[in-house]
Structures are given as C-alpha cells and as structure tokens.
Amino acid sequence: MPKTRKRKASVKKASSAKRTVARRKVAKKAAAPKRKVAKKKAAPKRKVAKKKAAPKRKVAKKKA
C-alpha cells in the first residue's frame, strides 16, 4: 500500500460577524446582574426625586 499523506480536517473559522454576535450575547448575559444591581441602587434615588417634585406638581395644578 502506497503511503499517502493524511489530510487534516480543516477547522473552518466562523465568520467574524458570527463571532462578534456570539461575543455580544455573552457580554449581555454577563452584564445582566450588574444592571439589576444598578436598578436597585437607583430606585431610592428615584423615590426621593419623586417626593421632591411633588410640591412643584401641586403648584402647577393650582395655577392651571
């Protein structure tokens, strides 16, 4: 039997676009818990802001 060189199966490179999409998906998953924490931290600030804005709203209603 003649010796033949075995051809290695080439690993096709995924198109760069596919790779960026995959990376973005992973990044999104990683960022989710951070976003949740940020939301929790922002909530009390929002409440305070609402309370501060309330008297102004009352004044606006009286003028209208």
PDB file of N, CA and C in Angstrom:
ATOM      1  N   MET A   1       0.832  -1.208   0.000  1.00  0.00           N
ATOM      2  CA  MET A   1       0.000   0.000   0.000  1.00  0.00           C
ATOM      3  C   MET A   1       0.866   1.257   0.000  1.00  0.00           C
ATOM      4  N   PRO A   2       0.652   2.116  -0.991  1.00  0.00           N
ATOM      5  CA  PRO A   2       1.479   3.328  -1.019  1.00  0.00           C
ATOM      6  C   PRO A   2       1.137   4.256   0.140  1.00  0.00           C
ATOM      7  N   LYS A   3       2.188   4.879   0.665  1.00  0.00           N
ATOM      8  CA  LYS A   3       1.955   5.791   1.786  1.00  0.00           C
ATOM      9  C   LYS A   3       1.313   7.074   1.266  1.00  0.00           C
ATOM     10  N   THR A   4       0.161   7.402   1.808  1.00  0.00           N
ATOM     11  CA  THR A   4      -0.484   8.652   1.399  1.00  0.00           C
ATOM     12  C   THR A   4      -0.552   9.576   2.610  1.00  0.00           C
ATOM     13  N   ARG A   5      -0.391  10.839   2.308  1.00  0.00           N
ATOM     14  CA  ARG A   5      -0.430  11.784   3.407  1.00  0.00           C
ATOM     15  C   ARG A   5      -1.885  11.990   3.826  1.00  0.00           C
ATOM     16  N   LYS A   6      -2.126  11.834   5.104  1.00  0.00           N
ATOM     17  CA  LYS A   6      -3.493  12.032   5.583  1.00  0.00           C
ATOM     18  C   LYS A   6      -3.773  13.519   5.606  1.00  0.00           C
ATOM     19  N   ARG A   7      -4.897  13.872   5.042  1.00  0.00           N
ATOM     20  CA  ARG A   7      -5.257  15.289   5.054  1.00  0.00           C
ATOM     21  C   ARG A   7      -5.939  15.593   6.363  1.00  0.00           C
ATOM     22  N   LYS A   8      -5.476  16.633   7.027  1.00  0.00           N
ATOM     23  CA  LYS A   8      -6.109  17.028   8.286  1.00  0.00           C
ATOM     24  C   LYS A   8      -7.427  17.716   7.959  1.00  0.00           C
ATOM     25  N   ALA A   9      -8.426  17.386   8.740  1.00  0.00           N
ATOM     26  CA  ALA A   9      -9.707  18.062   8.546  1.00  0.00           C
ATOM     27  C   ALA A   9      -9.520  19.503   8.998  1.00  0.00           C
ATOM     28  N   SER A  10      -9.811  20.427   8.099  1.00  0.00           N
ATOM     29  CA  SER A  10      -9.583  21.826   8.447  1.00  0.00           C
ATOM     30  C   SER A  10     -10.735  22.330   9.308  1.00  0.00           C
ATOM     31  N   VAL A  11     -10.365  23.087  10.304  1.00  0.00           N
ATOM     32  CA  VAL A  11     -11.394  23.661  11.163  1.00  0.00           C
ATOM     33  C   VAL A  11     -11.784  24.982  10.531  1.00  0.00           C
ATOM     34  N   LYS A  12     -13.015  25.027  10.078  1.00  0.00           N
ATOM     35  CA  LYS A  12     -13.469  26.262   9.421  1.00  0.00           C
ATOM     36  C   LYS A  12     -13.622  27.360  10.458  1.00  0.00           C
ATOM     37  N   LYS A  13     -13.108  28.512  10.118  1.00  0.00           N
ATOM     38  CA  LYS A  13     -13.234  29.634  11.046  1.00  0.00           C
ATOM     39  C   LYS A  13     -14.619  30.241  10.868  1.00  0.00           C
ATOM     40  N   ALA A  14     -15.283  30.472  11.971  1.00  0.00           N
ATOM     41  CA  ALA A  14     -16.594  31.111  11.874  1.00  0.00           C
ATOM     42  C   ALA A  14     -16.379  32.527  11.360  1.00  0.00           C
ATOM     43  N   SER A  15     -17.315  33.020  10.567  1.00  0.00           N
ATOM     44  CA  SER A  15     -17.153  34.370  10.043  1.00  0.00           C
ATOM     45  C   SER A  15     -17.091  35.351  11.208  1.00  0.00           C
ATOM     46  N   SER A  16     -16.324  36.396  11.023  1.00  0.00           N
ATOM     47  CA  SER A  16     -16.093  37.323  12.135  1.00  0.00           C
ATOM     48  C   SER A  16     -17.414  37.897  12.650  1.00  0.00           C
ATOM     49  N   ALA A  17     -18.369  38.078  11.749  1.00  0.00           N
ATOM     50  CA  ALA A  17     -19.661  38.628  12.173  1.00  0.00           C
ATOM     51  C   ALA A  17     -20.322  37.706  13.191  1.00  0.00           C
ATOM     52  N   LYS A  18     -20.296  36.406  12.874  1.00  0.00           N
ATOM     53  CA  LYS A  18     -20.897  35.437  13.795  1.00  0.00           C
ATOM     54  C   LYS A  18     -20.204  35.506  15.148  1.00  0.00           C
ATOM     55  N   ARG A  19     -18.873  35.648  15.086  1.00  0.00           N
ATOM     56  CA  ARG A  19     -18.145  35.669  16.346  1.00  0.00           C
ATOM     57  C   ARG A  19     -18.492  36.896  17.173  1.00  0.00           C
ATOM     58  N   THR A  20     -18.617  38.041  16.505  1.00  0.00           N
ATOM     59  CA  THR A  20     -18.956  39.257  17.269  1.00  0.00           C
ATOM     60  C   THR A  20     -20.341  39.123  17.885  1.00  0.00           C
ATOM     61  N   VAL A  21     -21.266  38.534  17.135  1.00  0.00           N
ATOM     62  CA  VAL A  21     -22.625  38.367  17.663  1.00  0.00           C
ATOM     63  C   VAL A  21     -22.583  37.501  18.911  1.00  0.00           C
ATOM     64  N   ALA A  22     -21.818  36.390  18.822  1.00  0.00           N
ATOM     65  CA  ALA A  22     -21.717  35.483  19.964  1.00  0.00           C
ATOM     66  C   ALA A  22     -21.119  36.216  21.153  1.00  0.00           C
ATOM     67  N   ARG A  23     -20.082  37.012  20.885  1.00  0.00           N
ATOM     68  CA  ARG A  23     -19.426  37.728  21.980  1.00  0.00           C
ATOM     69  C   ARG A  23     -20.408  38.703  22.623  1.00  0.00           C
ATOM     70  N   ARG A  24     -21.206  39.348  21.798  1.00  0.00           N
ATOM     71  CA  ARG A  24     -22.169  40.313  22.330  1.00  0.00           C
ATOM     72  C   ARG A  24     -23.186  39.619  23.234  1.00  0.00           C
ATOM     73  N   LYS A  25     -23.631  38.433  22.788  1.00  0.00           N
ATOM     74  CA  LYS A  25     -24.597  37.681  23.593  1.00  0.00           C
ATOM     75  C   LYS A  25     -24.015  37.364  24.958  1.00  0.00           C
ATOM     76  N   VAL A  26     -22.773  36.890  24.964  1.00  0.00           N
ATOM     77  CA  VAL A  26     -22.119  36.538  26.226  1.00  0.00           C
ATOM     78  C   VAL A  26     -21.996  37.779  27.102  1.00  0.00           C
ATOM     79  N   ALA A  27     -21.601  38.896  26.481  1.00  0.00           N
ATOM     80  CA  ALA A  27     -21.419  40.139  27.234  1.00  0.00           C
ATOM     81  C   ALA A  27     -22.744  40.573  27.856  1.00  0.00           C
ATOM     82  N   LYS A  28     -23.827  40.413  27.098  1.00  0.00           N
ATOM     83  CA  LYS A  28     -25.142  40.802  27.610  1.00  0.00           C
ATOM     84  C   LYS A  28     -25.482  39.997  28.858  1.00  0.00           C
ATOM     85  N   LYS A  29     -25.238  38.675  28.762  1.00  0.00           N
ATOM     86  CA  LYS A  29     -25.543  37.809  29.905  1.00  0.00           C
ATOM     87  C   LYS A  29     -24.714  38.217  31.116  1.00  0.00           C
ATOM     88  N   ALA A  30     -23.467  38.560  30.874  1.00  0.00           N
ATOM     89  CA  ALA A  30     -22.575  38.920  31.978  1.00  0.00           C
ATOM     90  C   ALA A  30     -23.001  40.248  32.603  1.00  0.00           C
ATOM     91  N   ALA A  31     -23.558  41.132  31.776  1.00  0.00           N
ATOM     92  CA  ALA A  31     -23.890  42.471  32.261  1.00  0.00           C
ATOM     93  C   ALA A  31     -25.224  42.505  33.001  1.00  0.00           C
ATOM     94  N   ALA A  32     -26.057  41.471  32.811  1.00  0.00           N
ATOM     95  CA  ALA A  32     -27.404  41.499  33.385  1.00  0.00           C
ATOM     96  C   ALA A  32     -27.405  41.710  34.901  1.00  0.00           C
ATOM     97  N   PRO A  33     -26.645  40.902  35.680  1.00  0.00           N
ATOM     98  CA  PRO A  33     -26.678  41.099  37.142  1.00  0.00           C
ATOM     99  C   PRO A  33     -26.243  42.503  37.547  1.00  0.00           C
ATOM    100  N   LYS A  34     -25.250  43.046  36.834  1.00  0.00           N
ATOM    101  CA  LYS A  34     -24.790  44.412  37.142  1.00  0.00           C
ATOM    102  C   LYS A  34     -25.928  45.391  36.956  1.00  0.00           C
ATOM    103  N   ARG A  35     -26.688  45.186  35.860  1.00  0.00           N
ATOM    104  CA  ARG A  35     -27.801  46.101  35.578  1.00  0.00           C
ATOM    105  C   ARG A  35     -28.837  46.021  36.688  1.00  0.00           C
ATOM    106  N   LYS A  36     -29.093  44.792  37.157  1.00  0.00           N
ATOM    107  CA  LYS A  36     -30.079  44.618  38.234  1.00  0.00           C
ATOM    108  C   LYS A  36     -29.643  45.381  39.477  1.00  0.00           C
ATOM    109  N   VAL A  37     -28.365  45.268  39.812  1.00  0.00           N
ATOM    110  CA  VAL A  37     -27.836  45.945  40.997  1.00  0.00           C
ATOM    111  C   VAL A  37     -27.984  47.456  40.809  1.00  0.00           C
ATOM    112  N   ALA A  38     -27.644  47.935  39.615  1.00  0.00           N
ATOM    113  CA  ALA A  38     -27.729  49.364  39.351  1.00  0.00           C
ATOM    114  C   ALA A  38     -29.160  49.853  39.523  1.00  0.00           C
ATOM    115  N   LYS A  39     -30.101  49.037  39.041  1.00  0.00           N
ATOM    116  CA  LYS A  39     -31.511  49.418  39.163  1.00  0.00           C
ATOM    117  C   LYS A  39     -31.915  49.526  40.626  1.00  0.00           C
ATOM    118  N   LYS A  40     -31.489  48.536  41.418  1.00  0.00           N
ATOM    119  CA  LYS A  40     -31.834  48.538  42.841  1.00  0.00           C
ATOM    120  C   LYS A  40     -31.261  49.767  43.516  1.00  0.00           C
ATOM    121  N   LYS A  41     -30.030  50.116  43.150  1.00  0.00           N
ATOM    122  CA  LYS A  41     -29.382  51.274  43.773  1.00  0.00           C
ATOM    123  C   LYS A  41     -30.071  52.557  43.357  1.00  0.00           C
ATOM    124  N   ALA A  42     -30.579  52.583  42.119  1.00  0.00           N
ATOM    125  CA  ALA A  42     -31.179  53.813  41.605  1.00  0.00           C
ATOM    126  C   ALA A  42     -32.589  54.036  42.141  1.00  0.00           C
ATOM    127  N   ALA A  43     -33.233  52.942  42.593  1.00  0.00           N
ATOM    128  CA  ALA A  43     -34.637  53.049  42.995  1.00  0.00           C
ATOM    129  C   ALA A  43     -34.855  54.090  44.100  1.00  0.00           C
ATOM    130  N   PRO A  44     -34.101  54.024  45.233  1.00  0.00           N
ATOM    131  CA  PRO A  44     -34.337  55.015  46.290  1.00  0.00           C
ATOM    132  C   PRO A  44     -34.148  56.446  45.801  1.00  0.00           C
ATOM    133  N   LYS A  45     -33.162  56.641  44.924  1.00  0.00           N
ATOM    134  CA  LYS A  45     -32.932  57.994  44.383  1.00  0.00           C
ATOM    135  C   LYS A  45     -34.158  58.466  43.630  1.00  0.00           C
ATOM    136  N   ARG A  46     -34.739  57.536  42.856  1.00  0.00           N
ATOM    137  CA  ARG A  46     -35.926  57.896  42.084  1.00  0.00           C
ATOM    138  C   ARG A  46     -37.061  58.289  43.013  1.00  0.00           C
ATOM    139  N   LYS A  47     -37.207  57.542  44.107  1.00  0.00           N
ATOM    140  CA  LYS A  47     -38.273  57.844  45.065  1.00  0.00           C
ATOM    141  C   LYS A  47     -38.084  59.241  45.632  1.00  0.00           C
ATOM    142  N   VAL A  48     -36.847  59.567  46.004  1.00  0.00           N
ATOM    143  CA  VAL A  48     -36.551  60.881  46.568  1.00  0.00           C
ATOM    144  C   VAL A  48     -36.884  61.961  45.544  1.00  0.00           C
ATOM    145  N   ALA A  49     -36.476  61.726  44.303  1.00  0.00           N
ATOM    146  CA  ALA A  49     -36.711  62.707  43.255  1.00  0.00           C
ATOM    147  C   ALA A  49     -38.214  62.950  43.092  1.00  0.00           C
ATOM    148  N   LYS A  50     -38.987  61.858  43.150  1.00  0.00           N
ATOM    149  CA  LYS A  50     -40.435  61.985  43.009  1.00  0.00           C
ATOM    150  C   LYS A  50     -41.002  62.827  44.137  1.00  0.00           C
ATOM    151  N   LYS A  51     -40.522  62.566  45.359  1.00  0.00           N
ATOM    152  CA  LYS A  51     -41.030  63.306  46.517  1.00  0.00           C
ATOM    153  C   LYS A  51     -40.705  64.792  46.374  1.00  0.00           C
ATOM    154  N   LYS A  52     -39.494  65.077  45.897  1.00  0.00           N
ATOM    155  CA  LYS A  52     -39.086  66.472  45.748  1.00  0.00           C
ATOM    156  C   LYS A  52     -39.915  67.172  44.682  1.00  0.00           C
ATOM    157  N   ALA A  53     -40.298  66.417  43.655  1.00  0.00           N
ATOM    158  CA  ALA A  53     -41.023  67.021  42.538  1.00  0.00           C
ATOM    159  C   ALA A  53     -42.502  67.221  42.857  1.00  0.00           C
ATOM    160  N   ALA A  54     -43.000  66.483  43.887  1.00  0.00           N
ATOM    161  CA  ALA A  54     -44.435  66.516  44.175  1.00  0.00           C
ATOM    162  C   ALA A  54     -44.961  67.926  44.454  1.00  0.00           C
ATOM    163  N   PRO A  55     -44.320  68.707  45.368  1.00  0.00           N
ATOM    164  CA  PRO A  55     -44.856  70.049  45.640  1.00  0.00           C
ATOM    165  C   PRO A  55     -44.924  70.919  44.393  1.00  0.00           C
ATOM    166  N   LYS A  56     -43.934  70.781  43.529  1.00  0.00           N
ATOM    167  CA  LYS A  56     -43.943  71.561  42.286  1.00  0.00           C
ATOM    168  C   LYS A  56     -45.158  71.199  41.459  1.00  0.00           C
ATOM    169  N   ARG A  57     -45.452  69.895  41.421  1.00  0.00           N
ATOM    170  CA  ARG A  57     -46.614  69.441  40.640  1.00  0.00           C
ATOM    171  C   ARG A  57     -47.889  70.031  41.217  1.00  0.00           C
ATOM    172  N   LYS A  58     -47.958  70.082  42.546  1.00  0.00           N
ATOM    173  CA  LYS A  58     -49.159  70.624  43.194  1.00  0.00           C
ATOM    174  C   LYS A  58     -49.344  72.086  42.805  1.00  0.00           C
ATOM    175  N   VAL A  59     -48.239  72.828  42.831  1.00  0.00           N
ATOM    176  CA  VAL A  59     -48.297  74.246  42.474  1.00  0.00           C
ATOM    177  C   VAL A  59     -48.771  74.401  41.033  1.00  0.00           C
ATOM    178  N   ALA A  60     -48.217  73.566  40.163  1.00  0.00           N
ATOM    179  CA  ALA A  60     -48.584  73.641  38.748  1.00  0.00           C
ATOM    180  C   ALA A  60     -50.082  73.375  38.576  1.00  0.00           C
ATOM    181  N   LYS A  61     -50.599  72.424  39.343  1.00  0.00           N
ATOM    182  CA  LYS A  61     -52.022  72.089  39.234  1.00  0.00           C
ATOM    183  C   LYS A  61     -52.877  73.281  39.679  1.00  0.00           C
ATOM    184  N   LYS A  62     -52.452  73.958  40.776  1.00  0.00           N
ATOM    185  CA  LYS A  62     -53.218  75.099  41.277  1.00  0.00           C
ATOM    186  C   LYS A  62     -53.255  76.221  40.242  1.00  0.00           C
ATOM    187  N   LYS A  63     -52.103  76.432  39.587  1.00  0.00           N
ATOM    188  CA  LYS A  63     -52.031  77.518  38.594  1.00  0.00           C
ATOM    189  C   LYS A  63     -52.882  77.212  37.380  1.00  0.00           C
ATOM    190  N   ALA A  64     -52.967  75.924  37.015  1.00  0.00           N
ATOM    191  CA  ALA A  64     -53.670  75.548  35.786  1.00  0.00           C
ATOM    192  C   ALA A  64     -55.172  75.820  35.907  1.00  0.00           C
TER     193      ALA A  64
END
